[in-house]
Amino acid sequence: SENYFDVHVPEDQYGFSKYLMTRHSLTDEKIYNLRLFGVFGKNDDWRTRFIPNVICHAIKGVSVSLKQNRIFDHLYINDLLRIVLWFLESNPRHKVYNICSGVTYDFKTLAQKIITLSGKNLDLVVERQGFGQEYSGDNTRLLEELTGFDFTPMDQALKDLYGWYAQNSVECVSL
């Protein structure tokens, strides 16, 4: 949760940069820190972003390989846009918010969902056993203010994004 802030200072570059952004946002009353978790959507760089990468592999009929399974809270970009609009039109009570769906999926499960969606019989290889570091957040604070908000179900988000990449397969051309 957001209340965990400053209990532990991250040592990795990514976590520490998010820590510094939060510290800075607390110094200015006009800054709100929206801590994003696993955002995915159209126009992502499929070479580096997990969900679009698996989608492009499935579209091209290429087997999917994971370095290691991990658990993430993914947020569909369409949901993020609606949340940002709420922040622009409202008076949030806090300075820092975890912006996440509150639902976690492991990479292997998501890859299997995408392969099933493709209708192709593709191999899924996990190179290293066990799970890597989890990346998830508690969105209770957000949902207390954003009442009645429904996140796009993961299956629907994957279907929408798969359809977009299938229509725009030039995005996956160098696979």
Protein backbone atom coordinates (compact mmCIF):
# COMPACT_ATOMS: atom_id res chain seq x y z
CA SER A 1 0.00 0.00 0.00
CA GLU A 2 0.98 3.62 -0.24
CA ASN A 3 1.48 3.65 3.54
CA TYR A 4 4.45 1.31 3.12
CA PHE A 5 6.41 4.20 1.61
CA ASP A 6 9.69 4.96 3.43
CA VAL A 7 9.56 1.69 5.39
CA HIS A 8 11.90 0.22 2.79
CA VAL A 9 14.05 2.14 0.31
CA PRO A 10 14.47 0.16 -2.93
CA GLU A 11 18.02 -0.63 -3.97
CA ASP A 12 17.39 -1.36 -7.65
CA GLN A 13 17.52 1.53 -10.11
CA TYR A 14 13.87 1.25 -11.19
CA GLY A 15 12.45 1.00 -7.67
CA PHE A 16 14.72 3.76 -6.38
CA SER A 17 13.66 6.11 -9.20
CA LYS A 18 10.00 5.55 -8.24
CA TYR A 19 10.93 6.19 -4.61
CA LEU A 20 12.56 9.53 -5.53
CA MET A 21 9.52 10.56 -7.59
CA THR A 22 7.29 9.92 -4.60
CA ARG A 23 9.59 11.94 -2.31
CA HIS A 24 9.49 14.84 -4.75
CA SER A 25 5.70 14.74 -5.15
CA LEU A 26 5.30 15.10 -1.39
CA THR A 27 7.11 18.45 -1.49
CA ASP A 28 4.64 20.20 -3.80
CA GLU A 29 0.91 20.52 -3.22
CA LYS A 30 0.24 20.62 -6.97
CA ILE A 31 1.90 17.26 -7.73
CA TYR A 32 0.10 13.93 -7.47
CA ASN A 33 2.14 10.78 -7.81
CA LEU A 34 0.31 8.09 -9.75
CA ARG A 35 2.37 4.96 -9.19
CA LEU A 36 1.75 2.87 -12.30
CA PHE A 37 1.94 -0.91 -12.34
CA GLY A 38 2.42 -2.97 -15.49
CA VAL A 39 0.66 -0.69 -17.98
CA PHE A 40 0.13 -2.27 -21.41
CA GLY A 41 -1.67 -1.32 -24.60
CA LYS A 42 -1.50 -0.31 -28.23
CA ASN A 43 1.77 1.00 -29.62
CA ASP A 44 3.90 -0.57 -26.89
CA ASP A 45 7.34 -1.60 -28.07
CA TRP A 46 6.61 -5.29 -28.53
CA ARG A 47 10.34 -6.09 -28.36
CA THR A 48 10.55 -5.04 -24.71
CA ARG A 49 7.00 -5.17 -23.30
CA PHE A 50 5.82 -8.59 -22.15
CA ILE A 51 2.18 -8.79 -23.28
CA PRO A 52 2.72 -7.24 -26.75
CA ASN A 53 5.79 -9.46 -27.20
CA VAL A 54 3.79 -12.62 -26.58
CA ILE A 55 0.99 -11.35 -28.83
CA CYS A 56 3.41 -10.69 -31.69
CA HIS A 57 4.97 -14.13 -31.27
CA ALA A 58 1.50 -15.69 -31.38
CA ILE A 59 0.46 -13.70 -34.45
CA LYS A 60 3.62 -14.74 -36.28
CA GLY A 61 3.29 -18.36 -35.12
CA VAL A 62 6.58 -18.30 -33.22
CA SER A 63 7.08 -20.17 -29.94
CA VAL A 64 7.04 -18.13 -26.75
CA SER A 65 9.98 -18.14 -24.35
CA LEU A 66 10.02 -16.68 -20.83
CA LYS A 67 13.25 -16.13 -18.93
CA GLN A 68 11.41 -16.74 -15.68
CA ASN A 69 7.84 -16.66 -14.50
CA ARG A 70 6.84 -13.56 -12.54
CA ILE A 71 3.67 -12.25 -10.95
CA PHE A 72 2.54 -8.80 -12.06
CA ASP A 73 -0.43 -6.55 -11.63
CA HIS A 74 -1.10 -5.39 -15.19
CA LEU A 75 -3.14 -2.31 -16.06
CA TYR A 76 -4.75 -1.88 -19.46
CA ILE A 77 -4.02 1.55 -20.95
CA ASN A 78 -7.73 2.20 -21.60
CA ASP A 79 -8.34 1.91 -17.85
CA LEU A 80 -5.41 4.21 -17.09
CA LEU A 81 -6.86 6.87 -19.39
CA ARG A 82 -10.19 6.79 -17.53
CA ILE A 83 -8.35 7.02 -14.19
CA VAL A 84 -6.24 9.99 -15.31
CA LEU A 85 -9.41 11.73 -16.50
CA TRP A 86 -10.90 11.23 -13.03
CA PHE A 87 -7.81 12.84 -11.46
CA LEU A 88 -8.10 15.83 -13.79
CA GLU A 89 -11.77 16.33 -12.96
CA SER A 90 -11.69 15.59 -9.21
CA ASN A 91 -10.08 16.69 -5.99
CA PRO A 92 -8.06 13.69 -4.80
CA ARG A 93 -7.64 13.44 -1.03
CA HIS A 94 -4.08 12.08 -1.09
CA LYS A 95 -0.81 12.87 -2.86
CA VAL A 96 0.22 9.31 -3.79
CA TYR A 97 -1.84 6.56 -5.39
CA ASN A 98 -1.07 3.06 -6.57
CA ILE A 99 -2.62 2.83 -10.02
CA CYS A 100 -3.18 -0.86 -10.60
CA SER A 101 -6.00 -3.29 -11.20
CA GLY A 102 -5.56 -5.10 -7.90
CA VAL A 103 -5.48 -8.43 -9.74
CA THR A 104 -2.27 -10.32 -10.37
CA TYR A 105 -1.38 -12.78 -13.10
CA ASP A 106 1.76 -14.75 -13.63
CA PHE A 107 3.50 -14.44 -17.00
CA LYS A 108 3.00 -18.10 -17.87
CA THR A 109 -0.77 -17.88 -17.41
CA LEU A 110 -0.98 -14.73 -19.54
CA ALA A 111 1.15 -16.31 -22.27
CA GLN A 112 -1.12 -19.36 -22.27
CA LYS A 113 -4.20 -17.11 -22.54
CA ILE A 114 -2.67 -15.33 -25.54
CA ILE A 115 -1.64 -18.58 -27.24
CA THR A 116 -5.19 -19.91 -26.74
CA LEU A 117 -6.59 -16.66 -28.14
CA SER A 118 -4.41 -17.11 -31.25
CA GLY A 119 -5.84 -20.57 -31.94
CA LYS A 120 -2.34 -21.81 -32.74
CA ASN A 121 -0.42 -24.69 -31.20
CA LEU A 122 2.69 -22.88 -29.99
CA ASP A 123 5.38 -23.99 -27.58
CA LEU A 124 5.74 -22.08 -24.32
CA VAL A 125 9.16 -22.44 -22.69
CA VAL A 126 10.09 -21.13 -19.25
CA GLU A 127 13.91 -21.01 -19.09
CA ARG A 128 14.39 -20.71 -15.31
CA GLN A 129 12.14 -22.43 -12.77
CA GLY A 130 10.50 -20.61 -9.87
CA PHE A 131 9.28 -17.06 -9.74
CA GLY A 132 11.14 -13.79 -10.13
CA GLN A 133 10.32 -10.74 -8.02
CA GLU A 134 6.63 -9.88 -7.81
CA TYR A 135 5.44 -6.48 -9.01
CA SER A 136 2.02 -5.66 -7.61
CA GLY A 137 0.30 -3.02 -5.55
CA ASP A 138 -2.64 -2.38 -3.27
CA ASN A 139 -5.22 -0.14 -4.96
CA THR A 140 -7.55 0.25 -1.96
CA ARG A 141 -6.86 3.98 -1.66
CA LEU A 142 -7.66 4.55 -5.32
CA LEU A 143 -10.89 2.55 -5.23
CA GLU A 144 -12.10 4.34 -2.10
CA GLU A 145 -12.26 7.54 -4.15
CA LEU A 146 -12.94 6.10 -7.59
CA THR A 147 -16.20 4.45 -6.56
CA GLY A 148 -17.96 2.21 -9.06
CA PHE A 149 -14.93 1.93 -11.33
CA ASP A 150 -14.77 -1.32 -13.29
CA PHE A 151 -11.45 -2.44 -14.71
CA THR A 152 -11.46 -4.09 -18.12
CA PRO A 153 -11.32 -7.85 -17.51
CA MET A 154 -7.91 -9.24 -18.53
CA ASP A 155 -9.39 -11.62 -21.09
CA GLN A 156 -11.16 -8.71 -22.81
CA ALA A 157 -8.05 -6.50 -22.73
CA LEU A 158 -5.95 -9.31 -24.25
CA LYS A 159 -8.57 -9.92 -26.94
CA ASP A 160 -8.72 -6.20 -27.80
CA LEU A 161 -4.96 -5.86 -27.94
CA TYR A 162 -4.51 -9.09 -29.91
CA GLY A 163 -6.99 -7.77 -32.47
CA TRP A 164 -5.16 -4.46 -32.73
CA TYR A 165 -1.76 -6.10 -33.26
CA ALA A 166 -3.27 -8.54 -35.77
CA GLN A 167 -4.61 -5.60 -37.80
CA ASN A 168 -1.35 -3.71 -37.39
CA SER A 169 1.04 -6.65 -37.75
CA VAL A 170 3.61 -4.36 -39.32
CA GLU A 171 4.36 -3.55 -35.67
CA CYS A 172 5.74 -7.11 -35.32
CA VAL A 173 7.55 -7.16 -38.66
CA SER A 174 11.11 -7.84 -37.47
CA LEU A 175 10.22 -10.92 -35.43
